[in-house]
Amino acid sequence: MATELGLTQPLYARIESEESNLTIKRLQQIADILKTDVSALVDASKITIQNQTNKEGAYGNGYIENLHVENKETQKKFIQSLEDNIKQLKDENLHLKQEVEFLRSLIKSSKENEVHLQQAE
């Protein structure tokens, strides 16, 4: 594979072990050599796009759109998880506000008792 890609064996080994980043162009070359589609070679859950230049008719742009469609279910689950976390945080926030109000009422009651005791003396 390294020879067909025009790479040294050590460089190709770094790509295989994910020590070196792989360009979309190189990924397409590997897919062509293996006579398969790029999507068969990647785990979409691990894809991160750091920089993208959108040009009309660019292959990378179309592929990214396809990944978006294919990952719709994963995105829905992620969004639901975030919404659940937001609800939990709102509930915790409400509980903490109630505790603060309770503590304030205890402090106020304690101060009032002090005043009554001082007046009784």
PDB file of N, CA and C in Angstrom:
ATOM      1  N   MET A   1       0.830  -1.196   0.000  1.00  0.00           N
ATOM      2  CA  MET A   1       0.000   0.000   0.000  1.00  0.00           C
ATOM      3  C   MET A   1       0.870   1.254   0.000  1.00  0.00           C
ATOM      4  N   ALA A   2       1.909   1.257   0.831  1.00  0.00           N
ATOM      5  CA  ALA A   2       2.806   2.412   0.894  1.00  0.00           C
ATOM      6  C   ALA A   2       3.391   2.709  -0.483  1.00  0.00           C
ATOM      7  N   THR A   3       3.832   1.672  -1.176  1.00  0.00           N
ATOM      8  CA  THR A   3       4.430   1.842  -2.498  1.00  0.00           C
ATOM      9  C   THR A   3       3.417   2.426  -3.479  1.00  0.00           C
ATOM     10  N   GLU A   4       2.191   1.904  -3.462  1.00  0.00           N
ATOM     11  CA  GLU A   4       1.169   2.385  -4.388  1.00  0.00           C
ATOM     12  C   GLU A   4       0.795   3.843  -4.109  1.00  0.00           C
ATOM     13  N   LEU A   5       0.923   4.260  -2.867  1.00  0.00           N
ATOM     14  CA  LEU A   5       0.635   5.650  -2.509  1.00  0.00           C
ATOM     15  C   LEU A   5       1.833   6.571  -2.713  1.00  0.00           C
ATOM     16  N   GLY A   6       2.998   5.981  -2.992  1.00  0.00           N
ATOM     17  CA  GLY A   6       4.202   6.772  -3.163  1.00  0.00           C
ATOM     18  C   GLY A   6       4.769   7.255  -1.835  1.00  0.00           C
ATOM     19  N   LEU A   7       4.551   6.462  -0.780  1.00  0.00           N
ATOM     20  CA  LEU A   7       5.014   6.816   0.562  1.00  0.00           C
ATOM     21  C   LEU A   7       6.071   5.824   1.029  1.00  0.00           C
ATOM     22  N   THR A   8       6.845   6.242   2.007  1.00  0.00           N
ATOM     23  CA  THR A   8       7.763   5.300   2.635  1.00  0.00           C
ATOM     24  C   THR A   8       6.961   4.423   3.586  1.00  0.00           C
ATOM     25  N   GLN A   9       7.485   3.250   3.881  1.00  0.00           N
ATOM     26  CA  GLN A   9       6.796   2.342   4.805  1.00  0.00           C
ATOM     27  C   GLN A   9       6.626   2.971   6.192  1.00  0.00           C
ATOM     28  N   PRO A  10       7.668   3.645   6.735  1.00  0.00           N
ATOM     29  CA  PRO A  10       7.481   4.269   8.054  1.00  0.00           C
ATOM     30  C   PRO A  10       6.383   5.337   8.073  1.00  0.00           C
ATOM     31  N   LEU A  11       6.290   6.140   7.004  1.00  0.00           N
ATOM     32  CA  LEU A  11       5.237   7.158   6.951  1.00  0.00           C
ATOM     33  C   LEU A  11       3.864   6.508   6.880  1.00  0.00           C
ATOM     34  N   TYR A  12       3.728   5.482   6.069  1.00  0.00           N
ATOM     35  CA  TYR A  12       2.438   4.795   5.966  1.00  0.00           C
ATOM     36  C   TYR A  12       2.077   4.131   7.295  1.00  0.00           C
ATOM     37  N   ALA A  13       3.063   3.590   7.989  1.00  0.00           N
ATOM     38  CA  ALA A  13       2.817   2.978   9.299  1.00  0.00           C
ATOM     39  C   ALA A  13       2.293   4.020  10.284  1.00  0.00           C
ATOM     40  N   ARG A  14       2.811   5.265  10.224  1.00  0.00           N
ATOM     41  CA  ARG A  14       2.332   6.328  11.114  1.00  0.00           C
ATOM     42  C   ARG A  14       0.883   6.691  10.787  1.00  0.00           C
ATOM     43  N   ILE A  15       0.538   6.644   9.504  1.00  0.00           N
ATOM     44  CA  ILE A  15      -0.856   6.902   9.119  1.00  0.00           C
ATOM     45  C   ILE A  15      -1.753   5.800   9.672  1.00  0.00           C
ATOM     46  N   GLU A  16      -1.339   4.551   9.507  1.00  0.00           N
ATOM     47  CA  GLU A  16      -2.137   3.420  10.006  1.00  0.00           C
ATOM     48  C   GLU A  16      -2.330   3.471  11.519  1.00  0.00           C
ATOM     49  N   SER A  17      -1.296   3.906  12.240  1.00  0.00           N
ATOM     50  CA  SER A  17      -1.381   3.942  13.702  1.00  0.00           C
ATOM     51  C   SER A  17      -1.970   5.263  14.211  1.00  0.00           C
ATOM     52  N   GLU A  18      -2.454   6.096  13.291  1.00  0.00           N
ATOM     53  CA  GLU A  18      -3.081   7.381  13.592  1.00  0.00           C
ATOM     54  C   GLU A  18      -2.133   8.365  14.270  1.00  0.00           C
ATOM     55  N   GLU A  19      -0.824   8.187  14.049  1.00  0.00           N
ATOM     56  CA  GLU A  19       0.166   9.140  14.546  1.00  0.00           C
ATOM     57  C   GLU A  19       0.310  10.310  13.590  1.00  0.00           C
ATOM     58  N   SER A  20      -0.120  10.130  12.345  1.00  0.00           N
ATOM     59  CA  SER A  20      -0.043  11.173  11.325  1.00  0.00           C
ATOM     60  C   SER A  20      -1.438  11.386  10.756  1.00  0.00           C
ATOM     61  N   ASN A  21      -1.791  12.651  10.487  1.00  0.00           N
ATOM     62  CA  ASN A  21      -3.108  12.961   9.930  1.00  0.00           C
ATOM     63  C   ASN A  21      -3.188  12.547   8.469  1.00  0.00           C
ATOM     64  N   LEU A  22      -4.384  12.250   8.041  1.00  0.00           N
ATOM     65  CA  LEU A  22      -4.645  11.788   6.691  1.00  0.00           C
ATOM     66  C   LEU A  22      -5.483  12.843   5.981  1.00  0.00           C
ATOM     67  N   THR A  23      -5.064  13.271   4.804  1.00  0.00           N
ATOM     68  CA  THR A  23      -5.850  14.248   4.042  1.00  0.00           C
ATOM     69  C   THR A  23      -6.986  13.519   3.332  1.00  0.00           C
ATOM     70  N   ILE A  24      -7.987  14.285   2.937  1.00  0.00           N
ATOM     71  CA  ILE A  24      -9.101  13.698   2.183  1.00  0.00           C
ATOM     72  C   ILE A  24      -8.588  13.140   0.858  1.00  0.00           C
ATOM     73  N   LYS A  25      -7.650  13.864   0.252  1.00  0.00           N
ATOM     74  CA  LYS A  25      -7.083  13.405  -1.022  1.00  0.00           C
ATOM     75  C   LYS A  25      -6.403  12.044  -0.852  1.00  0.00           C
ATOM     76  N   ARG A  26      -5.603  11.887   0.213  1.00  0.00           N
ATOM     77  CA  ARG A  26      -4.897  10.622   0.461  1.00  0.00           C
ATOM     78  C   ARG A  26      -5.921   9.520   0.779  1.00  0.00           C
ATOM     79  N   LEU A  27      -6.956   9.853   1.522  1.00  0.00           N
ATOM     80  CA  LEU A  27      -8.004   8.886   1.848  1.00  0.00           C
ATOM     81  C   LEU A  27      -8.689   8.404   0.577  1.00  0.00           C
ATOM     82  N   GLN A  28      -8.939   9.322  -0.355  1.00  0.00           N
ATOM     83  CA  GLN A  28      -9.548   8.940  -1.633  1.00  0.00           C
ATOM     84  C   GLN A  28      -8.610   8.035  -2.424  1.00  0.00           C
ATOM     85  N   GLN A  29      -7.301   8.298  -2.378  1.00  0.00           N
ATOM     86  CA  GLN A  29      -6.332   7.444  -3.077  1.00  0.00           C
ATOM     87  C   GLN A  29      -6.374   6.029  -2.500  1.00  0.00           C
ATOM     88  N   ILE A  30      -6.426   5.915  -1.197  1.00  0.00           N
ATOM     89  CA  ILE A  30      -6.486   4.591  -0.554  1.00  0.00           C
ATOM     90  C   ILE A  30      -7.761   3.866  -0.967  1.00  0.00           C
ATOM     91  N   ALA A  31      -8.890   4.585  -0.966  1.00  0.00           N
ATOM     92  CA  ALA A  31     -10.159   3.972  -1.375  1.00  0.00           C
ATOM     93  C   ALA A  31     -10.087   3.502  -2.820  1.00  0.00           C
ATOM     94  N   ASP A  32      -9.482   4.303  -3.675  1.00  0.00           N
ATOM     95  CA  ASP A  32      -9.349   3.914  -5.093  1.00  0.00           C
ATOM     96  C   ASP A  32      -8.499   2.651  -5.228  1.00  0.00           C
ATOM     97  N   ILE A  33      -7.392   2.579  -4.495  1.00  0.00           N
ATOM     98  CA  ILE A  33      -6.519   1.406  -4.555  1.00  0.00           C
ATOM     99  C   ILE A  33      -7.262   0.156  -4.088  1.00  0.00           C
ATOM    100  N   LEU A  34      -8.067   0.321  -3.029  1.00  0.00           N
ATOM    101  CA  LEU A  34      -8.816  -0.814  -2.477  1.00  0.00           C
ATOM    102  C   LEU A  34     -10.126  -1.079  -3.213  1.00  0.00           C
ATOM    103  N   LYS A  35     -10.404  -0.228  -4.213  1.00  0.00           N
ATOM    104  CA  LYS A  35     -11.642  -0.348  -4.989  1.00  0.00           C
ATOM    105  C   LYS A  35     -12.871  -0.360  -4.089  1.00  0.00           C
ATOM    106  N   THR A  36     -12.927   0.644  -3.219  1.00  0.00           N
ATOM    107  CA  THR A  36     -14.049   0.798  -2.305  1.00  0.00           C
ATOM    108  C   THR A  36     -14.382   2.275  -2.179  1.00  0.00           C
ATOM    109  N   ASP A  37     -15.448   2.563  -1.462  1.00  0.00           N
ATOM    110  CA  ASP A  37     -15.866   3.940  -1.214  1.00  0.00           C
ATOM    111  C   ASP A  37     -15.172   4.462   0.038  1.00  0.00           C
ATOM    112  N   VAL A  38     -14.916   5.759   0.087  1.00  0.00           N
ATOM    113  CA  VAL A  38     -14.259   6.377   1.243  1.00  0.00           C
ATOM    114  C   VAL A  38     -15.034   6.088   2.526  1.00  0.00           C
ATOM    115  N   SER A  39     -16.363   6.130   2.457  1.00  0.00           N
ATOM    116  CA  SER A  39     -17.175   5.934   3.659  1.00  0.00           C
ATOM    117  C   SER A  39     -16.962   4.552   4.287  1.00  0.00           C
ATOM    118  N   ALA A  40     -16.531   3.575   3.491  1.00  0.00           N
ATOM    119  CA  ALA A  40     -16.267   2.234   4.027  1.00  0.00           C
ATOM    120  C   ALA A  40     -14.976   2.199   4.852  1.00  0.00           C
ATOM    121  N   LEU A  41     -14.134   3.218   4.689  1.00  0.00           N
ATOM    122  CA  LEU A  41     -12.837   3.237   5.357  1.00  0.00           C
ATOM    123  C   LEU A  41     -12.823   4.024   6.668  1.00  0.00           C
ATOM    124  N   VAL A  42     -13.840   4.835   6.907  1.00  0.00           N
ATOM    125  CA  VAL A  42     -13.783   5.727   8.064  1.00  0.00           C
ATOM    126  C   VAL A  42     -14.845   5.397   9.097  1.00  0.00           C
ATOM    127  N   ASP A  43     -14.499   5.673  10.346  1.00  0.00           N
ATOM    128  CA  ASP A  43     -15.453   5.614  11.450  1.00  0.00           C
ATOM    129  C   ASP A  43     -15.948   7.042  11.627  1.00  0.00           C
ATOM    130  N   ALA A  44     -17.169   7.308  11.188  1.00  0.00           N
ATOM    131  CA  ALA A  44     -17.692   8.678  11.169  1.00  0.00           C
ATOM    132  C   ALA A  44     -17.714   9.311  12.557  1.00  0.00           C
ATOM    133  N   SER A  45     -17.785   8.515  13.609  1.00  0.00           N
ATOM    134  CA  SER A  45     -17.821   9.087  14.958  1.00  0.00           C
ATOM    135  C   SER A  45     -16.491   9.709  15.354  1.00  0.00           C
ATOM    136  N   LYS A  46     -15.403   9.381  14.615  1.00  0.00           N
ATOM    137  CA  LYS A  46     -14.086   9.917  14.948  1.00  0.00           C
ATOM    138  C   LYS A  46     -13.684  11.087  14.063  1.00  0.00           C
ATOM    139  N   ILE A  47     -14.537  11.482  13.113  1.00  0.00           N
ATOM    140  CA  ILE A  47     -14.161  12.520  12.169  1.00  0.00           C
ATOM    141  C   ILE A  47     -14.307  13.893  12.808  1.00  0.00           C
ATOM    142  N   THR A  48     -13.239  14.680  12.731  1.00  0.00           N
ATOM    143  CA  THR A  48     -13.301  16.085  13.116  1.00  0.00           C
ATOM    144  C   THR A  48     -12.736  16.896  11.969  1.00  0.00           C
ATOM    145  N   ILE A  49     -13.428  17.943  11.625  1.00  0.00           N
ATOM    146  CA  ILE A  49     -12.997  18.782  10.524  1.00  0.00           C
ATOM    147  C   ILE A  49     -12.418  20.048  11.127  1.00  0.00           C
ATOM    148  N   GLN A  50     -11.134  20.262  10.897  1.00  0.00           N
ATOM    149  CA  GLN A  50     -10.461  21.406  11.498  1.00  0.00           C
ATOM    150  C   GLN A  50     -10.467  22.609  10.569  1.00  0.00           C
ATOM    151  N   ASN A  51     -10.421  22.392   9.285  1.00  0.00           N
ATOM    152  CA  ASN A  51     -10.366  23.491   8.336  1.00  0.00           C
ATOM    153  C   ASN A  51     -10.969  23.018   7.027  1.00  0.00           C
ATOM    154  N   GLN A  52     -11.884  23.804   6.475  1.00  0.00           N
ATOM    155  CA  GLN A  52     -12.558  23.401   5.247  1.00  0.00           C
ATOM    156  C   GLN A  52     -12.701  24.616   4.349  1.00  0.00           C
ATOM    157  N   THR A  53     -12.230  24.535   3.144  1.00  0.00           N
ATOM    158  CA  THR A  53     -12.441  25.579   2.157  1.00  0.00           C
ATOM    159  C   THR A  53     -13.520  25.079   1.214  1.00  0.00           C
ATOM    160  N   ASN A  54     -14.665  25.734   1.221  1.00  0.00           N
ATOM    161  CA  ASN A  54     -15.775  25.308   0.376  1.00  0.00           C
ATOM    162  C   ASN A  54     -15.646  25.940  -0.997  1.00  0.00           C
ATOM    163  N   LYS A  55     -15.486  25.103  -1.993  1.00  0.00           N
ATOM    164  CA  LYS A  55     -15.427  25.555  -3.380  1.00  0.00           C
ATOM    165  C   LYS A  55     -16.512  24.818  -4.138  1.00  0.00           C
ATOM    166  N   GLU A  56     -17.092  25.471  -5.075  1.00  0.00           N
ATOM    167  CA  GLU A  56     -18.170  24.866  -5.844  1.00  0.00           C
ATOM    168  C   GLU A  56     -17.714  23.550  -6.459  1.00  0.00           C
ATOM    169  N   GLY A  57     -18.482  22.496  -6.199  1.00  0.00           N
ATOM    170  CA  GLY A  57     -18.164  21.191  -6.764  1.00  0.00           C
ATOM    171  C   GLY A  57     -17.053  20.454  -6.043  1.00  0.00           C
ATOM    172  N   ALA A  58     -16.610  20.938  -4.878  1.00  0.00           N
ATOM    173  CA  ALA A  58     -15.515  20.285  -4.155  1.00  0.00           C
ATOM    174  C   ALA A  58     -15.983  18.946  -3.615  1.00  0.00           C
ATOM    175  N   TYR A  59     -15.176  17.911  -3.801  1.00  0.00           N
ATOM    176  CA  TYR A  59     -15.532  16.573  -3.319  1.00  0.00           C
ATOM    177  C   TYR A  59     -15.683  16.549  -1.810  1.00  0.00           C
ATOM    178  N   GLY A  60     -14.766  17.182  -1.107  1.00  0.00           N
ATOM    179  CA  GLY A  60     -14.805  17.175   0.359  1.00  0.00           C
ATOM    180  C   GLY A  60     -16.092  17.740   0.895  1.00  0.00           C
ATOM    181  N   ASN A  61     -16.599  18.802   0.283  1.00  0.00           N
ATOM    182  CA  ASN A  61     -17.826  19.423   0.746  1.00  0.00           C
ATOM    183  C   ASN A  61     -19.000  18.462   0.602  1.00  0.00           C
ATOM    184  N   GLY A  62     -19.109  17.779  -0.541  1.00  0.00           N
ATOM    185  CA  GLY A  62     -20.194  16.821  -0.735  1.00  0.00           C
ATOM    186  C   GLY A  62     -20.094  15.664   0.237  1.00  0.00           C
ATOM    187  N   TYR A  63     -18.877  15.206   0.496  1.00  0.00           N
ATOM    188  CA  TYR A  63     -18.686  14.093   1.429  1.00  0.00           C
ATOM    189  C   TYR A  63     -19.093  14.492   2.837  1.00  0.00           C
ATOM    190  N   ILE A  64     -18.767  15.710   3.223  1.00  0.00           N
ATOM    191  CA  ILE A  64     -19.134  16.189   4.558  1.00  0.00           C
ATOM    192  C   ILE A  64     -20.645  16.268   4.678  1.00  0.00           C
ATOM    193  N   GLU A  65     -21.325  16.730   3.626  1.00  0.00           N
ATOM    194  CA  GLU A  65     -22.785  16.768   3.656  1.00  0.00           C
ATOM    195  C   GLU A  65     -23.351  15.366   3.827  1.00  0.00           C
ATOM    196  N   ASN A  66     -22.770  14.374   3.157  1.00  0.00           N
ATOM    197  CA  ASN A  66     -23.237  12.994   3.304  1.00  0.00           C
ATOM    198  C   ASN A  66     -23.028  12.492   4.731  1.00  0.00           C
ATOM    199  N   LEU A  67     -21.873  12.828   5.311  1.00  0.00           N
ATOM    200  CA  LEU A  67     -21.641  12.421   6.695  1.00  0.00           C
ATOM    201  C   LEU A  67     -22.683  13.033   7.611  1.00  0.00           C
ATOM    202  N   HIS A  68     -23.067  14.274   7.329  1.00  0.00           N
ATOM    203  CA  HIS A  68     -24.080  14.944   8.138  1.00  0.00           C
ATOM    204  C   HIS A  68     -25.389  14.156   8.101  1.00  0.00           C
ATOM    205  N   VAL A  69     -25.805  13.751   6.923  1.00  0.00           N
ATOM    206  CA  VAL A  69     -27.047  12.999   6.783  1.00  0.00           C
ATOM    207  C   VAL A  69     -26.929  11.638   7.470  1.00  0.00           C
ATOM    208  N   GLU A  70     -25.799  10.959   7.274  1.00  0.00           N
ATOM    209  CA  GLU A  70     -25.622   9.631   7.852  1.00  0.00           C
ATOM    210  C   GLU A  70     -25.557   9.678   9.372  1.00  0.00           C
ATOM    211  N   ASN A  71     -25.110  10.786   9.927  1.00  0.00           N
ATOM    212  CA  ASN A  71     -24.958  10.890  11.379  1.00  0.00           C
ATOM    213  C   ASN A  71     -26.143  11.570  12.050  1.00  0.00           C
ATOM    214  N   LYS A  72     -27.248  11.715  11.336  1.00  0.00           N
ATOM    215  CA  LYS A  72     -28.404  12.416  11.884  1.00  0.00           C
ATOM    216  C   LYS A  72     -28.904  11.750  13.174  1.00  0.00           C
ATOM    217  N   GLU A  73     -28.963  10.448  13.210  1.00  0.00           N
ATOM    218  CA  GLU A  73     -29.433   9.736  14.404  1.00  0.00           C
ATOM    219  C   GLU A  73     -28.482   9.965  15.575  1.00  0.00           C
ATOM    220  N   THR A  74     -27.187   9.924  15.317  1.00  0.00           N
ATOM    221  CA  THR A  74     -26.204  10.187  16.358  1.00  0.00           C
ATOM    222  C   THR A  74     -26.355  11.609  16.877  1.00  0.00           C
ATOM    223  N   GLN A  75     -26.577  12.546  15.974  1.00  0.00           N
ATOM    224  CA  GLN A  75     -26.774  13.939  16.378  1.00  0.00           C
ATOM    225  C   GLN A  75     -28.021  14.085  17.240  1.00  0.00           C
ATOM    226  N   LYS A  76     -29.096  13.400  16.858  1.00  0.00           N
ATOM    227  CA  LYS A  76     -30.331  13.468  17.647  1.00  0.00           C
ATOM    228  C   LYS A  76     -30.095  12.955  19.063  1.00  0.00           C
ATOM    229  N   LYS A  77     -29.373  11.851  19.187  1.00  0.00           N
ATOM    230  CA  LYS A  77     -29.080  11.303  20.514  1.00  0.00           C
ATOM    231  C   LYS A  77     -28.229  12.262  21.321  1.00  0.00           C
ATOM    232  N   PHE A  78     -27.246  12.883  20.676  1.00  0.00           N
ATOM    233  CA  PHE A  78     -26.377  13.835  21.354  1.00  0.00           C
ATOM    234  C   PHE A  78     -27.176  15.050  21.832  1.00  0.00           C
ATOM    235  N   ILE A  79     -28.040  15.565  20.968  1.00  0.00           N
ATOM    236  CA  ILE A  79     -28.876  16.711  21.334  1.00  0.00           C
ATOM    237  C   ILE A  79     -29.800  16.347  22.488  1.00  0.00           C
ATOM    238  N   GLN A  80     -30.394  15.155  22.446  1.00  0.00           N
ATOM    239  CA  GLN A  80     -31.272  14.722  23.532  1.00  0.00           C
ATOM    240  C   GLN A  80     -30.494  14.632  24.840  1.00  0.00           C
ATOM    241  N   SER A  81     -29.274  14.133  24.768  1.00  0.00           N
ATOM    242  CA  SER A  81     -28.430  14.049  25.957  1.00  0.00           C
ATOM    243  C   SER A  81     -28.148  15.436  26.526  1.00  0.00           C
ATOM    244  N   LEU A  82     -27.844  16.381  25.651  1.00  0.00           N
ATOM    245  CA  LEU A  82     -27.604  17.761  26.100  1.00  0.00           C
ATOM    246  C   LEU A  82     -28.860  18.369  26.717  1.00  0.00           C
ATOM    247  N   GLU A  83     -30.014  18.123  26.101  1.00  0.00           N
ATOM    248  CA  GLU A  83     -31.275  18.638  26.646  1.00  0.00           C
ATOM    249  C   GLU A  83     -31.563  18.030  28.014  1.00  0.00           C
ATOM    250  N   ASP A  84     -31.290  16.743  28.177  1.00  0.00           N
ATOM    251  CA  ASP A  84     -31.475  16.100  29.477  1.00  0.00           C
ATOM    252  C   ASP A  84     -30.554  16.716  30.529  1.00  0.00           C
ATOM    253  N   ASN A  85     -29.303  16.983  30.135  1.00  0.00           N
ATOM    254  CA  ASN A  85     -28.358  17.611  31.065  1.00  0.00           C
ATOM    255  C   ASN A  85     -28.814  19.010  31.452  1.00  0.00           C
ATOM    256  N   ILE A  86     -29.339  19.766  30.493  1.00  0.00           N
ATOM    257  CA  ILE A  86     -29.834  21.113  30.780  1.00  0.00           C
ATOM    258  C   ILE A  86     -30.989  21.044  31.766  1.00  0.00           C
ATOM    259  N   LYS A  87     -31.914  20.108  31.562  1.00  0.00           N
ATOM    260  CA  LYS A  87     -33.048  19.964  32.479  1.00  0.00           C
ATOM    261  C   LYS A  87     -32.559  19.619  33.881  1.00  0.00           C
ATOM    262  N   GLN A  88     -31.616  18.703  33.968  1.00  0.00           N
ATOM    263  CA  GLN A  88     -31.078  18.312  35.270  1.00  0.00           C
ATOM    264  C   GLN A  88     -30.420  19.509  35.960  1.00  0.00           C
ATOM    265  N   LEU A  89     -29.654  20.293  35.214  1.00  0.00           N
ATOM    266  CA  LEU A  89     -29.009  21.468  35.799  1.00  0.00           C
ATOM    267  C   LEU A  89     -30.028  22.514  36.238  1.00  0.00           C
ATOM    268  N   LYS A  90     -31.088  22.679  35.467  1.00  0.00           N
ATOM    269  CA  LYS A  90     -32.144  23.614  35.869  1.00  0.00           C
ATOM    270  C   LYS A  90     -32.812  23.148  37.158  1.00  0.00           C
ATOM    271  N   ASP A  91     -33.064  21.839  37.259  1.00  0.00           N
ATOM    272  CA  ASP A  91     -33.670  21.289  38.479  1.00  0.00           C
ATOM    273  C   ASP A  91     -32.749  21.499  39.683  1.00  0.00           C
ATOM    274  N   GLU A  92     -31.460  21.240  39.484  1.00  0.00           N
ATOM    275  CA  GLU A  92     -30.494  21.439  40.570  1.00  0.00           C
ATOM    276  C   GLU A  92     -30.420  22.911  40.968  1.00  0.00           C
ATOM    277  N   ASN A  93     -30.467  23.794  39.974  1.00  0.00           N
ATOM    278  CA  ASN A  93     -30.435  25.230  40.233  1.00  0.00           C
ATOM    279  C   ASN A  93     -31.642  25.655  41.065  1.00  0.00           C
ATOM    280  N   LEU A  94     -32.814  25.168  40.714  1.00  0.00           N
ATOM    281  CA  LEU A  94     -34.026  25.480  41.470  1.00  0.00           C
ATOM    282  C   LEU A  94     -33.909  24.990  42.909  1.00  0.00           C
ATOM    283  N   HIS A  95     -33.414  23.779  43.070  1.00  0.00           N
ATOM    284  CA  HIS A  95     -33.231  23.213  44.412  1.00  0.00           C
ATOM    285  C   HIS A  95     -32.266  24.070  45.236  1.00  0.00           C
ATOM    286  N   LEU A  96     -31.169  24.492  44.628  1.00  0.00           N
ATOM    287  CA  LEU A  96     -30.191  25.321  45.339  1.00  0.00           C
ATOM    288  C   LEU A  96     -30.784  26.678  45.713  1.00  0.00           C
ATOM    289  N   LYS A  97     -31.591  27.254  44.838  1.00  0.00           N
ATOM    290  CA  LYS A  97     -32.256  28.522  45.158  1.00  0.00           C
ATOM    291  C   LYS A  97     -33.187  28.348  46.365  1.00  0.00           C
ATOM    292  N   GLN A  98     -33.893  27.226  46.407  1.00  0.00           N
ATOM    293  CA  GLN A  98     -34.787  26.948  47.541  1.00  0.00           C
ATOM    294  C   GLN A  98     -33.986  26.783  48.836  1.00  0.00           C
ATOM    295  N   GLU A  99     -32.838  26.129  48.751  1.00  0.00           N
ATOM    296  CA  GLU A  99     -31.989  25.963  49.932  1.00  0.00           C
ATOM    297  C   GLU A  99     -31.465  27.315  50.418  1.00  0.00           C
ATOM    298  N   VAL A 100     -31.073  28.174  49.492  1.00  0.00           N
ATOM    299  CA  VAL A 100     -30.584  29.508  49.862  1.00  0.00           C
ATOM    300  C   VAL A 100     -31.689  30.287  50.572  1.00  0.00           C
ATOM    301  N   GLU A 101     -32.892  30.241  50.048  1.00  0.00           N
ATOM    302  CA  GLU A 101     -34.013  30.937  50.689  1.00  0.00           C
ATOM    303  C   GLU A 101     -34.282  30.387  52.083  1.00  0.00           C
ATOM    304  N   PHE A 102     -34.200  29.072  52.229  1.00  0.00           N
ATOM    305  CA  PHE A 102     -34.400  28.453  53.542  1.00  0.00           C
ATOM    306  C   PHE A 102     -33.332  28.917  54.528  1.00  0.00           C
ATOM    307  N   LEU A 103     -32.082  28.921  54.079  1.00  0.00           N
ATOM    308  CA  LEU A 103     -30.988  29.359  54.948  1.00  0.00           C
ATOM    309  C   LEU A 103     -31.131  30.833  55.316  1.00  0.00           C
ATOM    310  N   ARG A 104     -31.567  31.643  54.376  1.00  0.00           N
ATOM    311  CA  ARG A 104     -31.805  33.061  54.676  1.00  0.00           C
ATOM    312  C   ARG A 104     -32.892  33.217  55.739  1.00  0.00           C
ATOM    313  N   SER A 105     -33.936  32.415  55.626  1.00  0.00           N
ATOM    314  CA  SER A 105     -35.010  32.502  56.625  1.00  0.00           C
ATOM    315  C   SER A 105     -34.515  32.058  57.998  1.00  0.00           C
ATOM    316  N   LEU A 106     -33.624  31.052  58.049  1.00  0.00           N
ATOM    317  CA  LEU A 106     -33.047  30.626  59.328  1.00  0.00           C
ATOM    318  C   LEU A 106     -32.190  31.733  59.945  1.00  0.00           C
ATOM    319  N   ILE A 107     -31.402  32.380  59.111  1.00  0.00           N
ATOM    320  CA  ILE A 107     -30.558  33.474  59.601  1.00  0.00           C
ATOM    321  C   ILE A 107     -31.418  34.618  60.120  1.00  0.00           C
ATOM    322  N   LYS A 108     -32.453  34.957  59.374  1.00  0.00           N
ATOM    323  CA  LYS A 108     -33.353  36.032  59.799  1.00  0.00           C
ATOM    324  C   LYS A 108     -34.035  35.668  61.114  1.00  0.00           C
ATOM    325  N   SER A 109     -34.488  34.436  61.225  1.00  0.00           N
ATOM    326  CA  SER A 109     -35.144  33.968  62.454  1.00  0.00           C
ATOM    327  C   SER A 109     -34.171  33.994  63.626  1.00  0.00           C
ATOM    328  N   SER A 110     -32.939  33.587  63.374  1.00  0.00           N
ATOM    329  CA  SER A 110     -31.915  33.580  64.421  1.00  0.00           C
ATOM    330  C   SER A 110     -31.630  34.999  64.904  1.00  0.00           C
ATOM    331  N   LYS A 111     -31.544  35.946  63.981  1.00  0.00           N
ATOM    332  CA  LYS A 111     -31.300  37.344  64.347  1.00  0.00           C
ATOM    333  C   LYS A 111     -32.474  37.899  65.154  1.00  0.00           C
ATOM    334  N   GLU A 112     -33.677  37.549  64.752  1.00  0.00           N
ATOM    335  CA  GLU A 112     -34.860  38.013  65.485  1.00  0.00           C
ATOM    336  C   GLU A 112     -34.878  37.452  66.901  1.00  0.00           C
ATOM    337  N   ASN A 113     -34.480  36.187  67.041  1.00  0.00           N
ATOM    338  CA  ASN A 113     -34.420  35.573  68.377  1.00  0.00           C
ATOM    339  C   ASN A 113     -33.379  36.263  69.230  1.00  0.00           C
ATOM    340  N   GLU A 114     -32.247  36.632  68.647  1.00  0.00           N
ATOM    341  CA  GLU A 114     -31.197  37.351  69.375  1.00  0.00           C
ATOM    342  C   GLU A 114     -31.735  38.682  69.899  1.00  0.00           C
ATOM    343  N   VAL A 115     -32.457  39.394  69.052  1.00  0.00           N
ATOM    344  CA  VAL A 115     -33.009  40.698  69.440  1.00  0.00           C
ATOM    345  C   VAL A 115     -33.970  40.500  70.590  1.00  0.00           C
ATOM    346  N   HIS A 116     -34.837  39.500  70.543  1.00  0.00           N
ATOM    347  CA  HIS A 116     -35.806  39.236  71.602  1.00  0.00           C
ATOM    348  C   HIS A 116     -35.099  38.882  72.908  1.00  0.00           C
ATOM    349  N   LEU A 117     -34.032  38.105  72.814  1.00  0.00           N
ATOM    350  CA  LEU A 117     -33.280  37.737  74.007  1.00  0.00           C
ATOM    351  C   LEU A 117     -32.610  38.946  74.640  1.00  0.00           C
ATOM    352  N   GLN A 118     -32.055  39.811  73.789  1.00  0.00           N
ATOM    353  CA  GLN A 118     -31.397  41.014  74.296  1.00  0.00           C
ATOM    354  C   GLN A 118     -32.418  41.959  74.931  1.00  0.00           C
ATOM    355  N   GLN A 119     -33.586  42.020  74.386  1.00  0.00           N
ATOM    356  CA  GLN A 119     -34.620  42.888  74.953  1.00  0.00           C
ATOM    357  C   GLN A 119     -35.135  42.326  76.282  1.00  0.00           C
ATOM    358  N   ALA A 120     -35.140  41.023  76.393  1.00  0.00           N
ATOM    359  CA  ALA A 120     -35.637  40.373  77.626  1.00  0.00           C
ATOM    360  C   ALA A 120     -34.652  40.549  78.770  1.00  0.00           C
ATOM    361  N   GLU A 121     -33.405  40.789  78.482  1.00  0.00           N
ATOM    362  CA  GLU A 121     -32.401  40.937  79.533  1.00  0.00           C
ATOM    363  C   GLU A 121     -32.546  42.251  80.148  1.00  0.00           C
TER     364      GLU A 121
END
